[in-house]
Protein backbone atom coordinates (compact mmCIF):
# COMPACT_ATOMS: atom_id res chain seq x y z
CA MET A 1 69.43 92.38 55.27
CA MET A 2 66.32 90.41 56.15
CA ASN A 3 63.15 92.34 56.79
CA ALA A 4 60.81 91.57 59.71
CA LYS A 5 58.71 88.97 57.92
CA GLN A 6 61.74 87.16 56.53
CA TYR A 7 63.51 87.18 59.86
CA LEU A 8 60.46 85.93 61.73
CA THR A 9 60.17 83.06 59.23
CA PHE A 10 63.85 82.31 59.78
CA LEU A 11 63.33 82.21 63.55
CA MET A 12 60.34 79.89 63.25
CA ARG A 13 62.29 77.48 61.04
CA SER A 14 65.37 77.63 63.27
CA MET A 15 63.33 76.76 66.34
CA ALA A 16 61.05 74.21 64.69
CA PRO A 17 60.83 70.85 66.49
CA SER A 18 62.21 67.71 64.86
CA GLN A 19 59.92 65.27 63.08
CA ALA A 20 60.25 62.91 66.05
CA GLU A 21 59.20 65.68 68.45
CA VAL A 22 56.23 66.60 66.27
CA ALA A 23 55.16 62.93 66.11
CA SER A 24 55.42 62.67 69.90
CA MET A 25 53.31 65.81 70.38
CA GLU A 26 50.68 64.51 67.97
CA ARG A 27 50.47 61.22 69.88
CA GLN A 28 50.01 63.14 73.13
CA ARG A 29 47.27 65.28 71.59
CA LYS A 30 45.41 62.20 70.36
CA GLN A 31 45.68 60.55 73.77
CA TRP A 32 44.51 63.74 75.40
CA GLY A 33 41.52 63.86 73.03
CA ARG A 34 40.48 60.29 73.83
CA LEU A 35 40.62 60.89 77.56
CA ARG A 36 38.87 64.25 77.32
CA ALA A 37 36.08 62.66 75.28
CA ALA A 38 35.70 60.02 78.00
CA GLN A 39 35.53 62.71 80.69
CA THR A 40 32.80 64.70 78.96
CA GLY A 41 30.94 62.02 77.03
CA GLU A 42 31.48 64.07 73.86
CA SER A 43 32.98 61.87 71.14
CA GLU A 44 33.42 64.91 68.87
CA LEU A 45 36.28 66.06 71.07
CA GLU A 46 38.38 63.05 70.10
CA ALA A 47 37.89 63.87 66.42
CA ALA A 48 38.79 67.50 67.04
CA TYR A 49 42.10 66.55 68.67
CA GLU A 50 42.76 64.02 65.89
CA SER A 51 42.49 66.80 63.31
CA LEU A 52 45.34 68.83 64.85
CA ALA A 53 48.54 68.02 62.98
CA GLY A 54 51.92 69.75 63.03
CA PRO A 55 53.99 71.74 65.54
CA LEU A 56 51.89 73.38 68.23
CA SER A 57 53.44 76.83 67.75
CA GLU A 58 52.50 76.78 64.06
CA LEU A 59 48.92 75.78 64.91
CA GLN A 60 48.76 78.58 67.47
CA THR A 61 50.14 81.15 65.02
CA GLU A 62 47.63 80.13 62.36
CA PHE A 63 44.71 80.34 64.79
CA LEU A 64 45.67 83.76 66.15
CA SER A 65 46.31 85.07 62.64
CA SER A 66 42.98 83.91 61.23
CA GLN A 67 40.57 84.11 64.17
CA LEU A 68 41.74 86.96 66.42
CA TRP A 69 44.19 89.29 64.66
CA PRO A 70 41.82 90.52 61.89
CA HIS A 71 39.19 91.60 64.43
CA LEU A 72 41.72 93.58 66.44
CA LEU A 73 42.98 95.31 63.31
CA ALA A 74 39.41 96.14 62.29
CA ALA A 75 38.78 97.77 65.67
CA LEU A 76 41.66 100.22 65.18
CA ALA A 77 41.24 103.64 63.66
CA SER A 78 42.23 103.59 59.99
CA GLU A 79 45.39 105.66 60.48
CA LYS A 80 46.60 103.21 63.16
CA ARG A 81 45.50 100.07 61.32
CA GLU A 82 48.05 100.40 58.53
CA ALA A 83 51.04 100.47 60.90
CA ALA A 84 49.74 97.50 62.86
CA SER A 85 48.96 95.45 59.76
CA ARG A 86 52.57 95.84 58.55
CA THR A 87 53.95 94.32 61.77
CA PRO A 88 54.22 90.52 61.53
CA PHE A 89 53.93 88.26 64.55
CA ALA A 90 54.29 84.60 65.39
CA VAL A 91 54.11 82.17 68.27
CA LEU A 92 57.55 80.74 69.04
CA PRO A 93 58.15 77.62 71.15
CA LEU A 94 59.57 79.53 74.12
CA ARG A 95 58.76 78.60 77.71
CA THR A 96 58.01 81.96 79.28
CA VAL A 97 54.83 83.73 80.26
CA ASN A 98 55.59 86.65 77.99
CA ALA A 99 55.24 88.39 74.65
CA CYS A 100 57.59 91.03 73.30
CA ALA A 101 58.65 93.30 70.48
CA ALA A 102 61.93 92.68 68.68
CA THR A 103 63.68 94.05 65.60
CA ALA A 104 64.85 92.35 62.42
CA PRO A 105 68.34 92.96 61.01
CA ASN A 106 66.98 95.81 58.87
CA GLY A 107 65.44 97.48 61.94
CA GLU A 108 61.80 96.60 61.25
CA PRO A 109 59.79 95.53 64.32
CA PHE A 110 57.96 92.25 64.75
CA LEU A 111 56.05 90.67 67.60
CA ILE A 112 56.60 87.39 69.43
CA ILE A 113 54.04 85.53 71.50
CA ASP A 114 55.67 82.81 73.58
CA GLY A 115 54.08 79.38 73.24
CA GLY A 116 54.49 78.90 76.98
CA LEU A 117 52.17 81.82 77.62
CA LEU A 118 49.39 80.32 75.49
CA SER A 119 49.75 76.73 76.68
CA MET A 120 49.97 77.53 80.38
CA THR A 121 47.16 80.10 80.26
CA HIS A 122 44.85 77.39 78.94
CA PHE A 123 46.16 74.80 81.41
CA HIS A 124 45.83 77.20 84.35
CA LEU A 125 42.26 78.21 83.53
CA GLU A 126 41.23 74.62 82.84
CA THR A 127 42.72 73.61 86.19
CA GLN A 128 40.16 75.81 87.97
CA ILE A 129 37.34 73.91 86.24
CA ILE A 130 38.84 70.53 87.11
CA VAL A 131 39.43 71.49 90.74
CA ALA A 132 35.76 72.46 91.08
CA ALA A 133 34.70 69.12 89.57
CA ILE A 134 36.97 67.19 91.95
CA ALA A 135 35.63 69.12 94.94
CA THR A 136 32.07 68.17 93.99
CA ALA A 137 32.77 64.53 93.18
CA ARG A 138 35.57 63.60 95.60
CA GLY A 139 35.78 66.22 98.29
CA PHE A 140 37.72 69.32 99.22
CA ASP A 141 40.95 67.60 100.26
CA GLN A 142 41.44 65.89 96.89
CA ALA A 143 40.63 69.14 95.11
CA VAL A 144 43.30 70.99 97.08
CA GLU A 145 45.82 68.22 96.38
CA HIS A 146 45.12 68.32 92.64
CA HIS A 147 45.35 72.11 92.59
CA GLY A 148 48.77 72.03 94.22
CA ARG A 149 50.05 69.42 91.74
CA ALA A 150 48.78 71.44 88.80
CA LEU A 151 50.39 74.68 89.99
CA ARG A 152 53.70 72.90 90.61
CA PHE A 153 53.56 71.49 87.09
CA ILE A 154 53.23 75.05 85.73
CA LEU A 155 56.37 76.08 87.61
CA GLN A 156 58.25 72.96 86.47
CA TYR A 157 57.21 73.73 82.90
CA TYR A 158 58.73 77.19 83.04
CA GLU A 159 61.90 75.97 84.73
CA GLY A 160 62.46 72.90 82.53
CA GLU A 161 63.81 72.38 79.04
CA GLY A 162 63.14 69.87 76.28
CA GLU A 163 59.99 67.88 75.68
CA MET A 164 57.59 67.78 78.61
CA SER A 165 54.33 65.85 78.74
CA PHE A 166 51.27 67.50 80.24
CA PRO A 167 49.40 65.67 83.03
CA LEU A 168 46.73 63.59 81.31
CA PRO A 169 43.01 64.00 82.04
CA ASP A 170 41.45 61.51 84.45
CA PRO A 171 38.75 59.73 82.39
CA SER A 172 36.93 58.62 85.57
CA LEU A 173 36.26 62.27 86.51
CA GLN A 174 33.16 63.49 84.73
CA ILE A 175 33.26 67.14 83.68
CA PRO A 176 30.50 69.02 81.80
CA VAL A 177 31.77 69.92 78.35
CA GLU A 178 30.29 73.41 78.84
CA SER A 179 32.72 74.01 81.72
CA LEU A 180 35.75 73.05 79.64
CA TYR A 181 34.44 75.18 76.79
CA LEU A 182 34.27 78.16 79.16
CA ALA A 183 37.94 77.69 80.10
CA THR A 184 38.86 77.60 76.40
CA VAL A 185 36.98 80.82 75.68
CA GLN A 186 38.57 82.50 78.70
CA ALA A 187 42.00 81.51 77.39
CA LEU A 188 41.16 82.95 73.97
CA ALA A 189 40.13 86.21 75.63
CA VAL A 190 43.53 86.37 77.33
CA GLU A 191 45.29 85.65 74.02
CA THR A 192 43.32 88.42 72.34
CA PHE A 193 44.32 90.87 75.06
CA VAL A 194 48.00 89.89 74.77
CA LEU A 195 47.87 90.57 71.03
CA ALA A 196 46.07 93.86 71.67
CA HIS A 197 48.75 94.88 74.18
CA GLU A 198 51.49 94.30 71.61
CA ILE A 199 49.56 96.11 68.87
CA ALA A 200 49.23 99.06 71.25
CA HIS A 201 53.02 99.32 71.52
CA VAL A 202 53.15 99.63 67.73
CA VAL A 203 50.36 102.12 67.10
CA VAL A 204 51.31 104.61 69.81
CA GLY A 205 54.96 104.71 68.75
CA HIS A 206 56.60 102.89 71.65
CA LEU A 207 58.87 100.94 69.33
CA GLU A 208 60.25 104.09 67.77
CA SER A 209 60.83 105.73 71.17
CA ALA A 210 62.49 102.71 72.80
CA THR A 211 65.99 103.79 73.73
CA THR A 212 67.42 100.46 74.87
CA LYS A 213 67.68 97.01 73.38
CA ALA A 214 68.88 93.72 74.79
CA ALA A 215 70.44 90.93 72.77
CA VAL A 216 68.59 88.07 74.42
CA PRO A 217 69.71 84.48 73.72
CA VAL A 218 66.98 82.11 72.55
CA ALA A 219 66.91 78.92 74.61
CA GLY A 220 67.99 75.82 72.73
CA THR A 221 69.53 77.76 69.83
CA GLU A 222 72.57 79.90 69.04
CA LEU A 223 70.29 82.81 68.15
CA SER A 224 69.66 86.02 70.01
CA LEU A 225 66.91 88.62 69.63
CA ASP A 226 67.19 92.40 69.74
CA VAL A 227 64.37 92.94 72.22
CA LEU A 228 63.06 96.47 72.62
CA HIS A 229 62.79 97.56 76.24
CA GLN A 230 59.80 99.75 76.97
CA SER A 231 59.53 101.73 80.19
CA TRP A 232 57.03 100.69 82.83
CA GLU A 233 54.97 103.76 81.92
CA GLN A 234 54.78 102.50 78.34
CA GLU A 235 53.82 99.03 79.54
CA PHE A 236 51.01 100.48 81.64
CA GLU A 237 49.85 102.49 78.63
CA ALA A 238 49.95 99.39 76.39
CA ASP A 239 47.92 97.46 78.98
CA ALA A 240 45.30 100.21 79.15
CA LEU A 241 45.06 100.69 75.38
CA GLY A 242 45.24 96.93 74.84
CA LEU A 243 42.27 96.36 77.15
CA LEU A 244 40.24 99.08 75.41
CA LEU A 245 41.12 97.59 72.01
CA TYR A 246 40.17 94.13 73.23
CA GLN A 247 36.84 95.49 74.50
CA ALA A 248 36.19 97.21 71.17
CA ALA A 249 36.89 94.01 69.23
CA CYS A 250 35.64 91.19 71.45
CA GLY A 251 31.98 91.55 70.51
CA SER A 252 32.83 90.77 66.87
CA ILE A 253 35.04 87.72 67.55
CA PRO A 254 32.96 84.54 67.14
CA ALA A 255 35.29 82.52 69.36
CA LEU A 256 34.57 84.82 72.33
CA GLN A 257 30.79 84.72 72.21
CA GLY A 258 30.71 81.96 74.83
CA ILE A 259 31.19 84.61 77.52
CA ARG A 260 28.46 87.17 78.06
CA GLU A 261 28.87 90.77 79.04
CA PRO A 262 29.87 92.26 81.39
CA ALA A 263 32.14 89.31 82.21
CA ARG A 264 33.65 89.22 78.70
CA SER A 265 34.97 92.76 79.03
CA VAL A 266 37.17 91.90 82.01
CA THR A 267 38.03 88.23 81.32
CA PRO A 268 41.61 89.12 80.20
CA LEU A 269 42.43 90.05 83.80
CA LEU A 270 42.48 86.30 84.55
CA PHE A 271 45.89 86.26 82.85
CA PHE A 272 47.51 88.07 85.75
CA SER A 273 46.78 85.24 88.17
CA LEU A 274 49.14 83.06 86.14
CA VAL A 275 51.72 85.86 85.92
CA ALA A 276 51.53 86.40 89.69
CA LEU A 277 52.00 82.66 90.32
CA VAL A 278 55.23 82.66 88.30
CA GLU A 279 56.48 85.92 89.82
CA THR A 280 55.80 84.75 93.37
CA ASN A 281 57.39 81.34 93.07
CA LEU A 282 60.19 81.55 90.52
CA HIS A 283 61.67 84.98 91.28
CA ARG A 284 63.35 84.81 87.89
CA GLU A 285 64.58 87.71 85.81
CA ASP A 286 63.68 86.81 82.26
CA GLY A 287 65.58 88.70 79.56
CA LEU A 288 62.50 88.74 77.36
CA SER A 289 60.38 90.38 80.08
CA THR A 290 60.21 94.13 80.58
CA HIS A 291 56.83 94.22 82.29
CA PRO A 292 55.90 95.61 85.73
CA PRO A 293 54.69 93.21 88.45
CA ALA A 294 51.24 91.70 87.98
CA ARG A 295 49.74 93.49 90.99
CA ASP A 296 50.78 96.89 89.59
CA ARG A 297 49.44 96.10 86.13
CA LEU A 298 46.12 95.01 87.65
CA SER A 299 45.89 98.21 89.69
CA ASN A 300 46.46 100.22 86.51
CA LEU A 301 43.76 98.28 84.63
CA LEU A 302 41.27 98.63 87.49
CA SER A 303 41.71 102.39 87.21
CA VAL A 304 40.90 102.20 83.50
CA ILE A 305 37.80 100.09 84.14
CA GLU A 306 36.62 102.33 86.99
CA ALA A 307 36.87 105.41 84.77
CA ARG A 308 35.05 103.95 81.79
CA MET A 309 32.70 101.14 82.84
CA ASP A 310 29.73 100.54 85.13
CA GLY A 311 29.75 99.35 88.73
CA GLU A 312 28.92 95.70 87.98
CA THR A 313 31.84 95.41 85.57
CA LEU A 314 34.16 97.04 88.11
CA GLN A 315 33.09 94.61 90.83
CA LEU A 316 33.79 91.65 88.53
CA ALA A 317 37.20 93.09 87.73
CA LYS A 318 38.00 93.61 91.42
CA GLY A 319 37.06 89.99 92.12
CA ILE A 320 39.49 88.76 89.47
CA ALA A 321 42.21 91.07 90.77
CA GLU A 322 41.73 89.73 94.28
CA LEU A 323 42.28 86.18 93.04
CA ALA A 324 45.54 87.22 91.42
CA SER A 325 46.71 88.88 94.64
CA THR A 326 46.26 85.71 96.71
CA VAL A 327 48.39 83.24 94.74
CA PRO A 328 50.14 80.68 96.94
CA THR A 329 53.82 80.33 97.63
CA LEU A 330 54.36 76.66 96.89
CA ALA A 331 56.70 74.29 98.71
CA ARG A 332 58.72 72.57 95.99
CA ARG A 333 58.71 68.76 95.84
């Protein structure tokens, strides 16, 4: 029977996009790079987008594996590090705002990060930067209109299937490159926390104690995954330990140095605004999701921060949590 690494490779190949789909995605990335360069006046951005070749999920897996994962492993105690380092993970082209643990045919665990989580986290955070720029340049009403369109696109993305083009940047809207860079770093902080959350499940033994599994079909394929269902208590514990692991590692991750402390320590909480948006508007039970509601997870994390960090950090965290608790219910168009 296939072990975890072999099975994960099999899944990635089974779900890989066709050559035509990869070519279409590469054309979109190049177009996006040209327009983003025009927005910021930074020609280097076009070259950066030009250099990205191949399926997005493979690019995401490579980046997480090389730039984030090693720092999280290094932050673990040595007796925990070995178990985590034996657990493979990958980004799969799934349209959910989720990550999960699953088992290979031989019973070994592996971790899945859904591409939809990574893509929409970045899009959602970047939207906040663009909305602020529109408000300054064109007024509040246009900013509100753009914000509504962007949030509806996120919901359409999670509901839809097949290839879906992202809304293109408006080259006539000038945006400081530093602002877009901040959104990118914030998204990387969220991705690091998501990885840390999944590592926490491994190192504290949640996978071994899981008593239920669900054979979840994988959209667009004939495959199904044996997904391990953790209890809500275990999810709260993984959130808490994942945040502490993120905080232990983030100072050593070069990609996260664009955010200063104390803001960097609580940046992952921005993720729950996206989760709350999906929960509020889609009301969908996703077979790959075993997590408590966003508001409950935030309350749990605020308790962790209050117990361990100073007042300024706690106030920043409460501000982020308040944003996540005020997500709109959108009229569908």
